[in-house]
C-alpha atoms as a PDB file:
ATOM      1  CA  UNK A   1     -20.431   2.404   1.541  1.00  0.00           C
ATOM      2  CA  UNK A   2     -19.071   4.660   3.835  1.00  0.00           C
ATOM      3  CA  UNK A   3     -18.045   8.099   2.494  1.00  0.00           C
ATOM      4  CA  UNK A   4     -14.307   8.188   1.206  1.00  0.00           C
ATOM      5  CA  UNK A   5     -14.008   4.275   1.065  1.00  0.00           C
ATOM      6  CA  UNK A   6     -13.310   4.293  -2.680  1.00  0.00           C
ATOM      7  CA  UNK A   7     -10.321   6.577  -2.043  1.00  0.00           C
ATOM      8  CA  UNK A   8      -9.109   4.768   1.112  1.00  0.00           C
ATOM      9  CA  UNK A   9      -5.561   2.977   0.734  1.00  0.00           C
ATOM     10  CA  UNK A  10      -5.660   1.422   4.260  1.00  0.00           C
ATOM     11  CA  UNK A  11      -8.851  -0.207   5.821  1.00  0.00           C
ATOM     12  CA  UNK A  12      -8.977  -1.085   9.567  1.00  0.00           C
ATOM     13  CA  UNK A  13      -8.886  -4.636   8.729  1.00  0.00           C
ATOM     14  CA  UNK A  14      -5.810  -4.250   6.679  1.00  0.00           C
ATOM     15  CA  UNK A  15      -3.996  -2.092   9.738  1.00  0.00           C
ATOM     16  CA  UNK A  16      -5.082  -5.073  12.067  1.00  0.00           C
ATOM     17  CA  UNK A  17      -3.319  -7.623   9.735  1.00  0.00           C
ATOM     18  CA  UNK A  18      -0.206  -5.379   9.284  1.00  0.00           C
ATOM     19  CA  UNK A  19       0.006  -5.328  13.085  1.00  0.00           C
ATOM     20  CA  UNK A  20      -0.167  -9.133  13.436  1.00  0.00           C
ATOM     21  CA  UNK A  21       2.173  -9.825  10.646  1.00  0.00           C
ATOM     22  CA  UNK A  22       4.829  -7.115  10.833  1.00  0.00           C
ATOM     23  CA  UNK A  23       8.258  -8.033  12.067  1.00  0.00           C
ATOM     24  CA  UNK A  24      11.321  -5.483  12.090  1.00  0.00           C
ATOM     25  CA  UNK A  25      13.502  -8.325  11.035  1.00  0.00           C
ATOM     26  CA  UNK A  26      11.643  -8.921   7.796  1.00  0.00           C
ATOM     27  CA  UNK A  27      13.711  -8.650   4.541  1.00  0.00           C
ATOM     28  CA  UNK A  28      12.649  -6.442   1.785  1.00  0.00           C
ATOM     29  CA  UNK A  29      11.248  -9.439  -0.138  1.00  0.00           C
ATOM     30  CA  UNK A  30       9.051 -10.256   2.712  1.00  0.00           C
ATOM     31  CA  UNK A  31       7.960  -6.639   2.931  1.00  0.00           C
ATOM     32  CA  UNK A  32       7.094  -6.730  -0.826  1.00  0.00           C
ATOM     33  CA  UNK A  33       5.187 -10.009  -0.353  1.00  0.00           C
ATOM     34  CA  UNK A  34       3.368  -8.378   2.723  1.00  0.00           C
ATOM     35  CA  UNK A  35       2.443  -5.437   0.638  1.00  0.00           C
ATOM     36  CA  UNK A  36       1.080  -7.720  -2.075  1.00  0.00           C
ATOM     37  CA  UNK A  37      -1.124  -9.561   0.516  1.00  0.00           C
ATOM     38  CA  UNK A  38      -2.231  -6.062   1.749  1.00  0.00           C
ATOM     39  CA  UNK A  39      -3.226  -5.288  -1.749  1.00  0.00           C
ATOM     40  CA  UNK A  40      -5.315  -8.455  -2.072  1.00  0.00           C
ATOM     41  CA  UNK A  41      -6.935  -7.843   1.209  1.00  0.00           C
ATOM     42  CA  UNK A  42      -8.090  -4.439   0.031  1.00  0.00           C
ATOM     43  CA  UNK A  43      -9.574  -5.905  -3.181  1.00  0.00           C
ATOM     44  CA  UNK A  44     -11.345  -8.422  -1.030  1.00  0.00           C
ATOM     45  CA  UNK A  45     -12.733  -5.729   1.219  1.00  0.00           C
ATOM     46  CA  UNK A  46     -13.863  -3.699  -1.801  1.00  0.00           C
ATOM     47  CA  UNK A  47     -15.497  -6.839  -3.165  1.00  0.00           C
ATOM     48  CA  UNK A  48     -17.414  -7.783   0.068  1.00  0.00           C
ATOM     49  CA  UNK A  49     -18.430  -4.127   0.713  1.00  0.00           C
ATOM     50  CA  UNK A  50     -19.465  -3.688  -2.751  1.00  0.00           C
ATOM     51  CA  UNK A  51     -17.058  -0.470  -2.966  1.00  0.00           C
ATOM     52  CA  UNK A  52     -16.958   0.886  -6.527  1.00  0.00           C
ATOM     53  CA  UNK A  53     -13.774   2.728  -7.447  1.00  0.00           C
ATOM     54  CA  UNK A  54     -13.785   6.301  -7.751  1.00  0.00           C
ATOM     55  CA  UNK A  55     -14.465   7.823 -11.328  1.00  0.00           C
ATOM     56  CA  UNK A  56     -11.825   9.931 -13.120  1.00  0.00           C
ATOM     57  CA  UNK A  57     -12.182  12.154 -15.983  1.00  0.00           C
ATOM     58  CA  UNK A  58     -10.347  11.075 -19.186  1.00  0.00           C
ATOM     59  CA  UNK A  59      -9.196  14.153 -21.175  1.00  0.00           C
ATOM     60  CA  UNK A  60      -8.628  11.858 -24.174  1.00  0.00           C
ATOM     61  CA  UNK A  61     -12.209  10.449 -24.746  1.00  0.00           C
ATOM     62  CA  UNK A  62     -14.098  13.335 -22.657  1.00  0.00           C
ATOM     63  CA  UNK A  63     -15.757  10.765 -20.297  1.00  0.00           C
ATOM     64  CA  UNK A  64     -15.553   9.336 -16.750  1.00  0.00           C
ATOM     65  CA  UNK A  65     -14.196   6.047 -16.024  1.00  0.00           C
ATOM     66  CA  UNK A  66     -13.851   3.886 -12.914  1.00  0.00           C
ATOM     67  CA  UNK A  67     -10.170   3.844 -11.664  1.00  0.00           C
ATOM     68  CA  UNK A  68      -8.418   1.112  -9.887  1.00  0.00           C
ATOM     69  CA  UNK A  69      -6.353   2.438  -7.007  1.00  0.00           C
ATOM     70  CA  UNK A  70      -2.626   1.638  -7.143  1.00  0.00           C
ATOM     71  CA  UNK A  71      -1.169  -1.522  -5.225  1.00  0.00           C
ATOM     72  CA  UNK A  72       0.052  -1.015  -1.660  1.00  0.00           C
ATOM     73  CA  UNK A  73       3.664   0.277  -1.869  1.00  0.00           C
ATOM     74  CA  UNK A  74       6.598  -0.071   0.359  1.00  0.00           C
ATOM     75  CA  UNK A  75       6.601   3.523   1.557  1.00  0.00           C
ATOM     76  CA  UNK A  76       2.886   3.496   2.028  1.00  0.00           C
ATOM     77  CA  UNK A  77       3.374   0.419   4.357  1.00  0.00           C
ATOM     78  CA  UNK A  78       6.126   2.370   6.053  1.00  0.00           C
ATOM     79  CA  UNK A  79       3.820   5.265   6.769  1.00  0.00           C
ATOM     80  CA  UNK A  80       1.172   2.976   8.051  1.00  0.00           C
ATOM     81  CA  UNK A  81       3.652   1.348  10.525  1.00  0.00           C
ATOM     82  CA  UNK A  82       4.630   4.865  11.623  1.00  0.00           C
ATOM     83  CA  UNK A  83       0.855   6.037  12.007  1.00  0.00           C
ATOM     84  CA  UNK A  84       0.261   2.587  14.053  1.00  0.00           C
ATOM     85  CA  UNK A  85       3.242   3.393  16.313  1.00  0.00           C
ATOM     86  CA  UNK A  86       4.944   0.329  15.228  1.00  0.00           C
ATOM     87  CA  UNK A  87       8.001   2.257  14.060  1.00  0.00           C
ATOM     88  CA  UNK A  88       9.169   5.737  15.252  1.00  0.00           C
ATOM     89  CA  UNK A  89      10.589   8.536  13.264  1.00  0.00           C
ATOM     90  CA  UNK A  90      13.946   7.325  13.460  1.00  0.00           C
ATOM     91  CA  UNK A  91      13.177   3.966  12.213  1.00  0.00           C
ATOM     92  CA  UNK A  92      10.794   5.226   9.497  1.00  0.00           C
ATOM     93  CA  UNK A  93      13.891   7.357   8.197  1.00  0.00           C
ATOM     94  CA  UNK A  94      16.291   4.426   8.347  1.00  0.00           C
ATOM     95  CA  UNK A  95      13.920   2.031   6.986  1.00  0.00           C
ATOM     96  CA  UNK A  96      12.962   4.480   4.180  1.00  0.00           C
ATOM     97  CA  UNK A  97      16.594   5.084   3.300  1.00  0.00           C
ATOM     98  CA  UNK A  98      17.394   1.537   3.228  1.00  0.00           C
ATOM     99  CA  UNK A  99      14.216   0.757   1.002  1.00  0.00           C
ATOM    100  CA  UNK A 100      15.368   3.567  -1.678  1.00  0.00           C
ATOM    101  CA  UNK A 101      19.000   2.209  -1.848  1.00  0.00           C
ATOM    102  CA  UNK A 102      17.519  -1.393  -2.147  1.00  0.00           C
ATOM    103  CA  UNK A 103      15.218  -0.442  -4.719  1.00  0.00           C
ATOM    104  CA  UNK A 104      17.692   1.542  -6.653  1.00  0.00           C
ATOM    105  CA  UNK A 105      20.198  -1.433  -6.475  1.00  0.00           C
ATOM    106  CA  UNK A 106      17.668  -3.892  -7.891  1.00  0.00           C
ATOM    107  CA  UNK A 107      16.034  -1.501 -10.291  1.00  0.00           C
ATOM    108  CA  UNK A 108      12.744  -1.937  -8.776  1.00  0.00           C
ATOM    109  CA  UNK A 109       9.438   0.186  -8.820  1.00  0.00           C
ATOM    110  CA  UNK A 110       7.628   1.468  -5.508  1.00  0.00           C
ATOM    111  CA  UNK A 111       6.015  -2.116  -5.430  1.00  0.00           C
ATOM    112  CA  UNK A 112       9.095  -4.107  -5.576  1.00  0.00           C
ATOM    113  CA  UNK A 113       8.795  -5.135  -9.143  1.00  0.00           C
ATOM    114  CA  UNK A 114      11.307  -5.100 -11.699  1.00  0.00           C
ATOM    115  CA  UNK A 115      10.915  -1.816 -13.578  1.00  0.00           C
END
């Protein structure tokens, strides 16, 4: 396992899949499904690479436990799209603002699920 893989949110395979799948005309529902697929792909990469989750300290039981990383969020996807130059700063700001409005109207969490 490469150093830092346990904390990595986006692997190269995920970024490649995002490049192939991303379409600026996607609805937010489609973006939520894309983020869910990216989360499943990350889990698959972890399983195939035998990557173990990072250990976190539990102040309640005073022990270390493996922690599962959070799912891929819409904002994480937007930041990655920007990093891959698939959207520019203006697109990022516009999409981020649109996502926040959509999320608030439908009472969704960061992952597009009902909160």
